[in-house]
């Protein structure tokens, strides 16, 4: 269950069994943040020609502004980041959060890109 309905936030939050909990959208679970803080680097890859993920910016934790499906709120403007609910803001400030864009479709990454 990977769909976050931007037009029905209440339904999404009440029925989501993966995305809402893991993104700290209903109840704060400090273990999620503690575990994420243990990693050396968090590398997020956005596939700029992705035909599967909608919106593509969600590959970098961006998402639609509430109540519509047009305007994207980037990670650094989201409550998840500003409140540091997962530790992404901390990782970013510590230079351990990395954003990579690959000009390809979903998960189409070659060895050369992986070695960068």
PDB file of N, CA and C in Angstrom:
ATOM      1  N   UNK A   1       0.842  -1.174   0.000  1.00  0.00           N
ATOM      2  CA  UNK A   1       0.000   0.000   0.000  1.00  0.00           C
ATOM      3  C   UNK A   1       0.888   1.237   0.000  1.00  0.00           C
ATOM      4  N   UNK A   2       1.146   1.735  -1.184  1.00  0.00           N
ATOM      5  CA  UNK A   2       2.060   2.851  -1.339  1.00  0.00           C
ATOM      6  C   UNK A   2       1.373   4.106  -1.858  1.00  0.00           C
ATOM      7  N   UNK A   3       0.052   4.194  -1.813  1.00  0.00           N
ATOM      8  CA  UNK A   3      -0.636   5.361  -2.352  1.00  0.00           C
ATOM      9  C   UNK A   3      -1.051   6.303  -1.246  1.00  0.00           C
ATOM     10  N   UNK A   4      -0.667   7.549  -1.404  1.00  0.00           N
ATOM     11  CA  UNK A   4      -1.062   8.629  -0.506  1.00  0.00           C
ATOM     12  C   UNK A   4      -2.003   9.506  -1.305  1.00  0.00           C
ATOM     13  N   UNK A   5      -3.283   9.450  -0.998  1.00  0.00           N
ATOM     14  CA  UNK A   5      -4.282  10.202  -1.750  1.00  0.00           C
ATOM     15  C   UNK A   5      -4.244  11.673  -1.337  1.00  0.00           C
ATOM     16  N   UNK A   6      -3.756  12.556  -2.201  1.00  0.00           N
ATOM     17  CA  UNK A   6      -3.654  13.965  -1.827  1.00  0.00           C
ATOM     18  C   UNK A   6      -5.011  14.660  -1.730  1.00  0.00           C
ATOM     19  N   UNK A   7      -6.034  14.043  -2.299  1.00  0.00           N
ATOM     20  CA  UNK A   7      -7.363  14.652  -2.288  1.00  0.00           C
ATOM     21  C   UNK A   7      -8.230  14.161  -1.131  1.00  0.00           C
ATOM     22  N   UNK A   8      -7.752  13.156  -0.406  1.00  0.00           N
ATOM     23  CA  UNK A   8      -8.505  12.640   0.736  1.00  0.00           C
ATOM     24  C   UNK A   8      -7.526  12.240   1.847  1.00  0.00           C
ATOM     25  N   UNK A   9      -6.958  13.245   2.481  1.00  0.00           N
ATOM     26  CA  UNK A   9      -5.967  13.045   3.549  1.00  0.00           C
ATOM     27  C   UNK A   9      -6.520  12.190   4.686  1.00  0.00           C
ATOM     28  N   UNK A  10      -7.747  12.444   5.086  1.00  0.00           N
ATOM     29  CA  UNK A  10      -8.338  11.723   6.222  1.00  0.00           C
ATOM     30  C   UNK A  10      -8.432  10.226   5.932  1.00  0.00           C
ATOM     31  N   UNK A  11      -8.892   9.879   4.754  1.00  0.00           N
ATOM     32  CA  UNK A  11      -8.990   8.467   4.373  1.00  0.00           C
ATOM     33  C   UNK A  11      -7.595   7.836   4.320  1.00  0.00           C
ATOM     34  N   UNK A  12      -6.672   8.539   3.686  1.00  0.00           N
ATOM     35  CA  UNK A  12      -5.295   8.044   3.606  1.00  0.00           C
ATOM     36  C   UNK A  12      -4.733   7.759   5.001  1.00  0.00           C
ATOM     37  N   UNK A  13      -4.833   8.719   5.900  1.00  0.00           N
ATOM     38  CA  UNK A  13      -4.269   8.555   7.244  1.00  0.00           C
ATOM     39  C   UNK A  13      -4.954   7.453   8.043  1.00  0.00           C
ATOM     40  N   UNK A  14      -6.239   7.284   7.853  1.00  0.00           N
ATOM     41  CA  UNK A  14      -6.967   6.278   8.631  1.00  0.00           C
ATOM     42  C   UNK A  14      -6.788   4.864   8.089  1.00  0.00           C
ATOM     43  N   UNK A  15      -6.522   4.724   6.800  1.00  0.00           N
ATOM     44  CA  UNK A  15      -6.440   3.394   6.189  1.00  0.00           C
ATOM     45  C   UNK A  15      -5.023   2.941   5.848  1.00  0.00           C
ATOM     46  N   UNK A  16      -4.089   3.856   5.805  1.00  0.00           N
ATOM     47  CA  UNK A  16      -2.720   3.502   5.423  1.00  0.00           C
ATOM     48  C   UNK A  16      -2.083   2.606   6.484  1.00  0.00           C
ATOM     49  N   UNK A  17      -1.552   1.473   6.032  1.00  0.00           N
ATOM     50  CA  UNK A  17      -0.884   0.568   6.968  1.00  0.00           C
ATOM     51  C   UNK A  17       0.639   0.604   6.820  1.00  0.00           C
ATOM     52  N   UNK A  18       1.134   1.392   5.861  1.00  0.00           N
ATOM     53  CA  UNK A  18       2.582   1.500   5.693  1.00  0.00           C
ATOM     54  C   UNK A  18       3.053   2.948   5.604  1.00  0.00           C
ATOM     55  N   UNK A  19       2.635   3.665   4.576  1.00  0.00           N
ATOM     56  CA  UNK A  19       3.180   5.002   4.339  1.00  0.00           C
ATOM     57  C   UNK A  19       2.928   5.979   5.480  1.00  0.00           C
ATOM     58  N   UNK A  20       1.690   6.086   5.930  1.00  0.00           N
ATOM     59  CA  UNK A  20       1.396   7.044   7.013  1.00  0.00           C
ATOM     60  C   UNK A  20       2.183   6.709   8.284  1.00  0.00           C
ATOM     61  N   UNK A  21       2.205   5.449   8.715  1.00  0.00           N
ATOM     62  CA  UNK A  21       2.991   5.146   9.922  1.00  0.00           C
ATOM     63  C   UNK A  21       4.493   5.395   9.744  1.00  0.00           C
ATOM     64  N   UNK A  22       5.067   4.938   8.648  1.00  0.00           N
ATOM     65  CA  UNK A  22       6.523   5.062   8.474  1.00  0.00           C
ATOM     66  C   UNK A  22       6.940   6.520   8.296  1.00  0.00           C
ATOM     67  N   UNK A  23       6.024   7.360   7.790  1.00  0.00           N
ATOM     68  CA  UNK A  23       6.318   8.782   7.617  1.00  0.00           C
ATOM     69  C   UNK A  23       5.875   9.622   8.809  1.00  0.00           C
ATOM     70  N   UNK A  24       5.528   8.954   9.904  1.00  0.00           N
ATOM     71  CA  UNK A  24       5.176   9.625  11.164  1.00  0.00           C
ATOM     72  C   UNK A  24       3.969  10.544  11.010  1.00  0.00           C
ATOM     73  N   UNK A  25       2.993  10.161  10.192  1.00  0.00           N
ATOM     74  CA  UNK A  25       1.861  11.039   9.909  1.00  0.00           C
ATOM     75  C   UNK A  25       0.686  10.866  10.862  1.00  0.00           C
ATOM     76  N   UNK A  26       0.669   9.818  11.637  1.00  0.00           N
ATOM     77  CA  UNK A  26      -0.411   9.620  12.602  1.00  0.00           C
ATOM     78  C   UNK A  26       0.106   9.677  14.029  1.00  0.00           C
ATOM     79  N   UNK A  27       1.032   8.809  14.337  1.00  0.00           N
ATOM     80  CA  UNK A  27       1.599   8.711  15.686  1.00  0.00           C
ATOM     81  C   UNK A  27       3.113   8.752  15.555  1.00  0.00           C
ATOM     82  N   UNK A  28       3.753   9.528  16.402  1.00  0.00           N
ATOM     83  CA  UNK A  28       5.217   9.604  16.376  1.00  0.00           C
ATOM     84  C   UNK A  28       5.806   8.337  16.991  1.00  0.00           C
ATOM     85  N   UNK A  29       6.686   7.683  16.253  1.00  0.00           N
ATOM     86  CA  UNK A  29       7.372   6.488  16.725  1.00  0.00           C
ATOM     87  C   UNK A  29       8.859   6.821  16.763  1.00  0.00           C
ATOM     88  N   UNK A  30       9.397   7.069  17.936  1.00  0.00           N
ATOM     89  CA  UNK A  30      10.789   7.503  18.072  1.00  0.00           C
ATOM     90  C   UNK A  30      11.777   6.465  17.552  1.00  0.00           C
ATOM     91  N   UNK A  31      11.382   5.201  17.526  1.00  0.00           N
ATOM     92  CA  UNK A  31      12.274   4.148  17.028  1.00  0.00           C
ATOM     93  C   UNK A  31      12.613   4.360  15.564  1.00  0.00           C
ATOM     94  N   UNK A  32      11.646   4.820  14.764  1.00  0.00           N
ATOM     95  CA  UNK A  32      11.916   5.077  13.341  1.00  0.00           C
ATOM     96  C   UNK A  32      13.035   6.104  13.195  1.00  0.00           C
ATOM     97  N   UNK A  33      12.944   7.170  13.950  1.00  0.00           N
ATOM     98  CA  UNK A  33      13.961   8.220  13.878  1.00  0.00           C
ATOM     99  C   UNK A  33      15.297   7.709  14.421  1.00  0.00           C
ATOM    100  N   UNK A  34      15.277   7.044  15.538  1.00  0.00           N
ATOM    101  CA  UNK A  34      16.514   6.518  16.127  1.00  0.00           C
ATOM    102  C   UNK A  34      17.226   5.591  15.158  1.00  0.00           C
ATOM    103  N   UNK A  35      16.488   4.721  14.507  1.00  0.00           N
ATOM    104  CA  UNK A  35      17.095   3.787  13.559  1.00  0.00           C
ATOM    105  C   UNK A  35      17.665   4.504  12.341  1.00  0.00           C
ATOM    106  N   UNK A  36      16.952   5.483  11.828  1.00  0.00           N
ATOM    107  CA  UNK A  36      17.440   6.215  10.664  1.00  0.00           C
ATOM    108  C   UNK A  36      18.704   7.002  11.000  1.00  0.00           C
ATOM    109  N   UNK A  37      18.785   7.486  12.210  1.00  0.00           N
ATOM    110  CA  UNK A  37      19.960   8.259  12.616  1.00  0.00           C
ATOM    111  C   UNK A  37      21.224   7.399  12.715  1.00  0.00           C
ATOM    112  N   UNK A  38      21.076   6.095  12.727  1.00  0.00           N
ATOM    113  CA  UNK A  38      22.220   5.178  12.822  1.00  0.00           C
ATOM    114  C   UNK A  38      22.949   4.987  11.494  1.00  0.00           C
ATOM    115  N   UNK A  39      22.299   5.348  10.396  1.00  0.00           N
ATOM    116  CA  UNK A  39      22.934   5.125   9.097  1.00  0.00           C
ATOM    117  C   UNK A  39      24.006   6.174   8.832  1.00  0.00           C
ATOM    118  N   UNK A  40      24.991   5.781   8.045  1.00  0.00           N
ATOM    119  CA  UNK A  40      26.091   6.688   7.714  1.00  0.00           C
ATOM    120  C   UNK A  40      25.627   7.760   6.733  1.00  0.00           C
ATOM    121  N   UNK A  41      24.921   7.358   5.695  1.00  0.00           N
ATOM    122  CA  UNK A  41      24.397   8.268   4.681  1.00  0.00           C
ATOM    123  C   UNK A  41      23.053   7.764   4.199  1.00  0.00           C
ATOM    124  N   UNK A  42      22.169   8.686   3.876  1.00  0.00           N
ATOM    125  CA  UNK A  42      20.875   8.361   3.302  1.00  0.00           C
ATOM    126  C   UNK A  42      20.884   8.949   1.895  1.00  0.00           C
ATOM    127  N   UNK A  43      20.898   8.084   0.895  1.00  0.00           N
ATOM    128  CA  UNK A  43      20.947   8.502  -0.495  1.00  0.00           C
ATOM    129  C   UNK A  43      19.566   8.273  -1.118  1.00  0.00           C
ATOM    130  N   UNK A  44      18.973   9.344  -1.621  1.00  0.00           N
ATOM    131  CA  UNK A  44      17.674   9.255  -2.273  1.00  0.00           C
ATOM    132  C   UNK A  44      17.870   9.465  -3.766  1.00  0.00           C
ATOM    133  N   UNK A  45      17.305   8.569  -4.550  1.00  0.00           N
ATOM    134  CA  UNK A  45      17.449   8.614  -5.998  1.00  0.00           C
ATOM    135  C   UNK A  45      16.095   8.906  -6.618  1.00  0.00           C
ATOM    136  N   UNK A  46      16.067   9.976  -7.428  1.00  0.00           N
ATOM    137  CA  UNK A  46      14.856  10.307  -8.185  1.00  0.00           C
ATOM    138  C   UNK A  46      15.127  10.001  -9.652  1.00  0.00           C
ATOM    139  N   UNK A  47      14.231   9.222 -10.239  1.00  0.00           N
ATOM    140  CA  UNK A  47      14.327   8.897 -11.657  1.00  0.00           C
ATOM    141  C   UNK A  47      13.475   9.909 -12.415  1.00  0.00           C
ATOM    142  N   UNK A  48      14.131  10.792 -13.158  1.00  0.00           N
ATOM    143  CA  UNK A  48      13.453  11.933 -13.770  1.00  0.00           C
ATOM    144  C   UNK A  48      12.486  11.554 -14.890  1.00  0.00           C
ATOM    145  N   UNK A  49      12.585  10.322 -15.381  1.00  0.00           N
ATOM    146  CA  UNK A  49      11.654   9.848 -16.411  1.00  0.00           C
ATOM    147  C   UNK A  49      10.786   8.718 -15.859  1.00  0.00           C
ATOM    148  N   UNK A  50      10.612   8.697 -14.558  1.00  0.00           N
ATOM    149  CA  UNK A  50       9.856   7.626 -13.894  1.00  0.00           C
ATOM    150  C   UNK A  50       8.411   7.601 -14.372  1.00  0.00           C
ATOM    151  N   UNK A  51       7.947   6.433 -14.769  1.00  0.00           N
ATOM    152  CA  UNK A  51       6.563   6.266 -15.203  1.00  0.00           C
ATOM    153  C   UNK A  51       5.735   5.513 -14.170  1.00  0.00           C
ATOM    154  N   UNK A  52       6.333   5.182 -13.028  1.00  0.00           N
ATOM    155  CA  UNK A  52       5.623   4.425 -11.997  1.00  0.00           C
ATOM    156  C   UNK A  52       5.275   5.278 -10.770  1.00  0.00           C
ATOM    157  N   UNK A  53       6.213   6.061 -10.297  1.00  0.00           N
ATOM    158  CA  UNK A  53       6.025   6.839  -9.069  1.00  0.00           C
ATOM    159  C   UNK A  53       5.363   8.180  -9.391  1.00  0.00           C
ATOM    160  N   UNK A  54       4.313   8.495  -8.625  1.00  0.00           N
ATOM    161  CA  UNK A  54       3.578   9.734  -8.819  1.00  0.00           C
ATOM    162  C   UNK A  54       3.303  10.368  -7.463  1.00  0.00           C
ATOM    163  N   UNK A  55       3.793  11.568  -7.249  1.00  0.00           N
ATOM    164  CA  UNK A  55       4.642  12.373  -8.121  1.00  0.00           C
ATOM    165  C   UNK A  55       6.109  11.924  -8.008  1.00  0.00           C
ATOM    166  N   UNK A  56       6.865  12.188  -9.033  1.00  0.00           N
ATOM    167  CA  UNK A  56       8.286  11.804  -9.040  1.00  0.00           C
ATOM    168  C   UNK A  56       9.034  12.410  -7.867  1.00  0.00           C
ATOM    169  N   UNK A  57       8.643  13.605  -7.464  1.00  0.00           N
ATOM    170  CA  UNK A  57       9.322  14.277  -6.348  1.00  0.00           C
ATOM    171  C   UNK A  57       9.185  13.524  -5.038  1.00  0.00           C
ATOM    172  N   UNK A  58       8.250  12.597  -4.958  1.00  0.00           N
ATOM    173  CA  UNK A  58       8.112  11.822  -3.723  1.00  0.00           C
ATOM    174  C   UNK A  58       9.307  10.877  -3.525  1.00  0.00           C
ATOM    175  N   UNK A  59      10.066  10.652  -4.585  1.00  0.00           N
ATOM    176  CA  UNK A  59      11.290   9.854  -4.450  1.00  0.00           C
ATOM    177  C   UNK A  59      12.331  10.607  -3.623  1.00  0.00           C
ATOM    178  N   UNK A  60      12.125  11.904  -3.454  1.00  0.00           N
ATOM    179  CA  UNK A  60      12.950  12.754  -2.584  1.00  0.00           C
ATOM    180  C   UNK A  60      12.107  13.309  -1.440  1.00  0.00           C
ATOM    181  N   UNK A  61      11.038  12.612  -1.071  1.00  0.00           N
ATOM    182  CA  UNK A  61      10.131  12.999   0.016  1.00  0.00           C
ATOM    183  C   UNK A  61       9.343  14.276  -0.261  1.00  0.00           C
ATOM    184  N   UNK A  62       9.293  14.724  -1.488  1.00  0.00           N
ATOM    185  CA  UNK A  62       8.400  15.826  -1.823  1.00  0.00           C
ATOM    186  C   UNK A  62       7.013  15.264  -2.041  1.00  0.00           C
ATOM    187  N   UNK A  63       5.979  16.089  -1.906  1.00  0.00           N
ATOM    188  CA  UNK A  63       4.631  15.596  -2.152  1.00  0.00           C
ATOM    189  C   UNK A  63       3.695  16.759  -2.448  1.00  0.00           C
ATOM    190  N   UNK A  64       2.519  16.415  -2.935  1.00  0.00           N
ATOM    191  CA  UNK A  64       1.519  17.433  -3.238  1.00  0.00           C
ATOM    192  C   UNK A  64       1.140  18.207  -1.984  1.00  0.00           C
ATOM    193  N   UNK A  65       0.882  19.477  -2.156  1.00  0.00           N
ATOM    194  CA  UNK A  65       0.322  20.285  -1.070  1.00  0.00           C
ATOM    195  C   UNK A  65      -1.059  19.714  -0.756  1.00  0.00           C
ATOM    196  N   UNK A  66      -1.491  19.789   0.493  1.00  0.00           N
ATOM    197  CA  UNK A  66      -2.771  19.195   0.884  1.00  0.00           C
ATOM    198  C   UNK A  66      -3.959  19.676   0.049  1.00  0.00           C
ATOM    199  N   UNK A  67      -4.834  18.726  -0.284  1.00  0.00           N
ATOM    200  CA  UNK A  67      -6.090  19.044  -0.948  1.00  0.00           C
ATOM    201  C   UNK A  67      -6.043  19.222  -2.443  1.00  0.00           C
ATOM    202  N   UNK A  68      -4.912  18.956  -3.074  1.00  0.00           N
ATOM    203  CA  UNK A  68      -4.816  19.109  -4.527  1.00  0.00           C
ATOM    204  C   UNK A  68      -3.703  18.203  -5.051  1.00  0.00           C
ATOM    205  N   UNK A  69      -3.592  18.094  -6.343  1.00  0.00           N
ATOM    206  CA  UNK A  69      -2.593  17.201  -6.934  1.00  0.00           C
ATOM    207  C   UNK A  69      -1.826  17.908  -8.045  1.00  0.00           C
ATOM    208  N   UNK A  70      -1.408  19.153  -7.762  1.00  0.00           N
ATOM    209  CA  UNK A  70      -0.677  19.942  -8.747  1.00  0.00           C
ATOM    210  C   UNK A  70       0.618  20.488  -8.174  1.00  0.00           C
ATOM    211  N   UNK A  71       0.532  21.252  -7.112  1.00  0.00           N
ATOM    212  CA  UNK A  71       1.688  21.912  -6.519  1.00  0.00           C
ATOM    213  C   UNK A  71       2.429  20.967  -5.585  1.00  0.00           C
ATOM    214  N   UNK A  72       3.743  20.881  -5.774  1.00  0.00           N
ATOM    215  CA  UNK A  72       4.585  20.005  -4.961  1.00  0.00           C
ATOM    216  C   UNK A  72       5.228  20.800  -3.826  1.00  0.00           C
ATOM    217  N   UNK A  73       5.205  20.230  -2.636  1.00  0.00           N
ATOM    218  CA  UNK A  73       5.920  20.783  -1.487  1.00  0.00           C
ATOM    219  C   UNK A  73       7.211  19.979  -1.366  1.00  0.00           C
ATOM    220  N   UNK A  74       8.373  20.612  -1.543  1.00  0.00           N
ATOM    221  CA  UNK A  74       9.631  19.872  -1.441  1.00  0.00           C
ATOM    222  C   UNK A  74       9.907  19.447   0.004  1.00  0.00           C
ATOM    223  N   UNK A  75      10.747  18.468   0.152  1.00  0.00           N
ATOM    224  CA  UNK A  75      11.071  17.929   1.468  1.00  0.00           C
ATOM    225  C   UNK A  75      11.371  19.013   2.482  1.00  0.00           C
ATOM    226  N   UNK A  76      12.262  19.954   2.147  1.00  0.00           N
ATOM    227  CA  UNK A  76      12.699  20.946   3.138  1.00  0.00           C
ATOM    228  C   UNK A  76      11.606  21.927   3.560  1.00  0.00           C
ATOM    229  N   UNK A  77      10.459  21.905   2.887  1.00  0.00           N
ATOM    230  CA  UNK A  77       9.323  22.742   3.283  1.00  0.00           C
ATOM    231  C   UNK A  77       8.223  21.929   3.958  1.00  0.00           C
ATOM    232  N   UNK A  78       8.437  20.637   4.105  1.00  0.00           N
ATOM    233  CA  UNK A  78       7.412  19.758   4.682  1.00  0.00           C
ATOM    234  C   UNK A  78       7.498  19.720   6.208  1.00  0.00           C
ATOM    235  N   UNK A  79       6.385  19.360   6.838  1.00  0.00           N
ATOM    236  CA  UNK A  79       6.362  19.199   8.296  1.00  0.00           C
ATOM    237  C   UNK A  79       7.297  18.065   8.718  1.00  0.00           C
ATOM    238  N   UNK A  80       7.371  17.014   7.916  1.00  0.00           N
ATOM    239  CA  UNK A  80       8.255  15.889   8.211  1.00  0.00           C
ATOM    240  C   UNK A  80       9.690  16.363   8.411  1.00  0.00           C
ATOM    241  N   UNK A  81      10.117  17.276   7.558  1.00  0.00           N
ATOM    242  CA  UNK A  81      11.473  17.823   7.630  1.00  0.00           C
ATOM    243  C   UNK A  81      11.585  18.886   8.723  1.00  0.00           C
ATOM    244  N   UNK A  82      10.686  19.854   8.704  1.00  0.00           N
ATOM    245  CA  UNK A  82      10.769  20.970   9.655  1.00  0.00           C
ATOM    246  C   UNK A  82      10.706  20.507  11.108  1.00  0.00           C
ATOM    247  N   UNK A  83       9.860  19.506  11.379  1.00  0.00           N
ATOM    248  CA  UNK A  83       9.743  18.970  12.744  1.00  0.00           C
ATOM    249  C   UNK A  83      10.768  17.872  13.013  1.00  0.00           C
ATOM    250  N   UNK A  84      11.522  17.508  11.983  1.00  0.00           N
ATOM    251  CA  UNK A  84      12.563  16.480  12.052  1.00  0.00           C
ATOM    252  C   UNK A  84      12.026  15.153  12.592  1.00  0.00           C
ATOM    253  N   UNK A  85      10.854  14.770  12.124  1.00  0.00           N
ATOM    254  CA  UNK A  85      10.171  13.579  12.623  1.00  0.00           C
ATOM    255  C   UNK A  85      10.900  12.272  12.324  1.00  0.00           C
ATOM    256  N   UNK A  86      11.627  12.227  11.223  1.00  0.00           N
ATOM    257  CA  UNK A  86      12.406  11.030  10.891  1.00  0.00           C
ATOM    258  C   UNK A  86      13.908  11.250  11.042  1.00  0.00           C
ATOM    259  N   UNK A  87      14.304  12.470  11.298  1.00  0.00           N
ATOM    260  CA  UNK A  87      15.721  12.785  11.388  1.00  0.00           C
ATOM    261  C   UNK A  87      16.314  13.257  10.073  1.00  0.00           C
ATOM    262  N   UNK A  88      15.479  13.479   9.073  1.00  0.00           N
ATOM    263  CA  UNK A  88      15.987  13.907   7.769  1.00  0.00           C
ATOM    264  C   UNK A  88      16.635  15.285   7.830  1.00  0.00           C
ATOM    265  N   UNK A  89      16.079  16.176   8.618  1.00  0.00           N
ATOM    266  CA  UNK A  89      16.675  17.508   8.772  1.00  0.00           C
ATOM    267  C   UNK A  89      18.046  17.395   9.433  1.00  0.00           C
ATOM    268  N   UNK A  90      18.141  16.563  10.447  1.00  0.00           N
ATOM    269  CA  UNK A  90      19.429  16.348  11.124  1.00  0.00           C
ATOM    270  C   UNK A  90      20.442  15.753  10.163  1.00  0.00           C
ATOM    271  N   UNK A  91      20.030  14.724   9.416  1.00  0.00           N
ATOM    272  CA  UNK A  91      20.931  14.116   8.434  1.00  0.00           C
ATOM    273  C   UNK A  91      21.394  15.149   7.412  1.00  0.00           C
ATOM    274  N   UNK A  92      20.483  15.991   6.972  1.00  0.00           N
ATOM    275  CA  UNK A  92      20.802  17.036   6.001  1.00  0.00           C
ATOM    276  C   UNK A  92      21.831  18.004   6.578  1.00  0.00           C
ATOM    277  N   UNK A  93      21.608  18.481   7.787  1.00  0.00           N
ATOM    278  CA  UNK A  93      22.526  19.429   8.427  1.00  0.00           C
ATOM    279  C   UNK A  93      23.906  18.803   8.641  1.00  0.00           C
ATOM    280  N   UNK A  94      23.932  17.492   8.812  1.00  0.00           N
ATOM    281  CA  UNK A  94      25.200  16.777   9.014  1.00  0.00           C
ATOM    282  C   UNK A  94      25.825  16.314   7.695  1.00  0.00           C
ATOM    283  N   UNK A  95      25.238  16.743   6.583  1.00  0.00           N
ATOM    284  CA  UNK A  95      25.723  16.384   5.233  1.00  0.00           C
ATOM    285  C   UNK A  95      25.671  14.871   4.991  1.00  0.00           C
ATOM    286  N   UNK A  96      24.667  14.206   5.587  1.00  0.00           N
ATOM    287  CA  UNK A  96      24.495  12.765   5.404  1.00  0.00           C
ATOM    288  C   UNK A  96      23.251  12.434   4.580  1.00  0.00           C
ATOM    289  N   UNK A  97      22.558  13.460   4.095  1.00  0.00           N
ATOM    290  CA  UNK A  97      21.384  13.286   3.253  1.00  0.00           C
ATOM    291  C   UNK A  97      21.765  13.707   1.840  1.00  0.00           C
ATOM    292  N   UNK A  98      21.601  12.794   0.891  1.00  0.00           N
ATOM    293  CA  UNK A  98      22.072  13.034  -0.468  1.00  0.00           C
ATOM    294  C   UNK A  98      20.938  12.822  -1.471  1.00  0.00           C
ATOM    295  N   UNK A  99      20.862  13.719  -2.444  1.00  0.00           N
ATOM    296  CA  UNK A  99      19.840  13.686  -3.481  1.00  0.00           C
ATOM    297  C   UNK A  99      20.522  13.434  -4.823  1.00  0.00           C
ATOM    298  N   UNK A 100      20.115  12.372  -5.486  1.00  0.00           N
ATOM    299  CA  UNK A 100      20.669  12.044  -6.797  1.00  0.00           C
ATOM    300  C   UNK A 100      19.522  11.953  -7.790  1.00  0.00           C
ATOM    301  N   UNK A 101      19.706  12.568  -8.960  1.00  0.00           N
ATOM    302  CA  UNK A 101      18.720  12.484 -10.038  1.00  0.00           C
ATOM    303  C   UNK A 101      19.321  11.664 -11.174  1.00  0.00           C
ATOM    304  N   UNK A 102      18.580  10.674 -11.616  1.00  0.00           N
ATOM    305  CA  UNK A 102      18.996   9.810 -12.719  1.00  0.00           C
ATOM    306  C   UNK A 102      18.010  10.019 -13.866  1.00  0.00           C
ATOM    307  N   UNK A 103      18.521  10.301 -15.044  1.00  0.00           N
ATOM    308  CA  UNK A 103      17.668  10.506 -16.213  1.00  0.00           C
ATOM    309  C   UNK A 103      17.300   9.141 -16.790  1.00  0.00           C
ATOM    310  N   UNK A 104      16.318   8.497 -16.147  1.00  0.00           N
ATOM    311  CA  UNK A 104      15.892   7.158 -16.560  1.00  0.00           C
ATOM    312  C   UNK A 104      14.517   6.873 -15.972  1.00  0.00           C
ATOM    313  N   UNK A 105      13.946   5.752 -16.393  1.00  0.00           N
ATOM    314  CA  UNK A 105      12.668   5.307 -15.849  1.00  0.00           C
ATOM    315  C   UNK A 105      12.904   4.593 -14.516  1.00  0.00           C
ATOM    316  N   UNK A 106      11.845   4.206 -13.869  1.00  0.00           N
ATOM    317  CA  UNK A 106      11.851   3.617 -12.531  1.00  0.00           C
ATOM    318  C   UNK A 106      12.891   2.496 -12.366  1.00  0.00           C
ATOM    319  N   UNK A 107      13.809   2.716 -11.462  1.00  0.00           N
ATOM    320  CA  UNK A 107      14.854   1.753 -11.080  1.00  0.00           C
ATOM    321  C   UNK A 107      15.788   1.346 -12.222  1.00  0.00           C
ATOM    322  N   UNK A 108      15.822   2.120 -13.288  1.00  0.00           N
ATOM    323  CA  UNK A 108      16.714   1.824 -14.404  1.00  0.00           C
ATOM    324  C   UNK A 108      18.039   2.554 -14.177  1.00  0.00           C
ATOM    325  N   UNK A 109      18.861   1.937 -13.352  1.00  0.00           N
ATOM    326  CA  UNK A 109      20.150   2.542 -12.998  1.00  0.00           C
ATOM    327  C   UNK A 109      21.256   1.591 -13.427  1.00  0.00           C
ATOM    328  N   UNK A 110      22.293   2.138 -14.036  1.00  0.00           N
ATOM    329  CA  UNK A 110      23.384   1.295 -14.517  1.00  0.00           C
ATOM    330  C   UNK A 110      24.543   1.274 -13.522  1.00  0.00           C
ATOM    331  N   UNK A 111      25.507   0.429 -13.759  1.00  0.00           N
ATOM    332  CA  UNK A 111      26.645   0.279 -12.850  1.00  0.00           C
ATOM    333  C   UNK A 111      27.429   1.569 -12.673  1.00  0.00           C
ATOM    334  N   UNK A 112      27.593   2.326 -13.754  1.00  0.00           N
ATOM    335  CA  UNK A 112      28.348   3.584 -13.677  1.00  0.00           C
ATOM    336  C   UNK A 112      27.673   4.558 -12.713  1.00  0.00           C
ATOM    337  N   UNK A 113      26.353   4.648 -12.779  1.00  0.00           N
ATOM    338  CA  UNK A 113      25.609   5.533 -11.877  1.00  0.00           C
ATOM    339  C   UNK A 113      25.719   5.057 -10.438  1.00  0.00           C
ATOM    340  N   UNK A 114      25.703   3.756 -10.236  1.00  0.00           N
ATOM    341  CA  UNK A 114      25.774   3.200  -8.884  1.00  0.00           C
ATOM    342  C   UNK A 114      27.118   3.497  -8.228  1.00  0.00           C
ATOM    343  N   UNK A 115      28.153   3.613  -9.020  1.00  0.00           N
ATOM    344  CA  UNK A 115      29.506   3.829  -8.479  1.00  0.00           C
ATOM    345  C   UNK A 115      29.790   5.294  -8.121  1.00  0.00           C
ATOM    346  N   UNK A 116      28.930   6.209  -8.557  1.00  0.00           N
ATOM    347  CA  UNK A 116      29.165   7.629  -8.287  1.00  0.00           C
ATOM    348  C   UNK A 116      29.118   7.945  -6.831  1.00  0.00           C
TER     349      UNK A 116
END
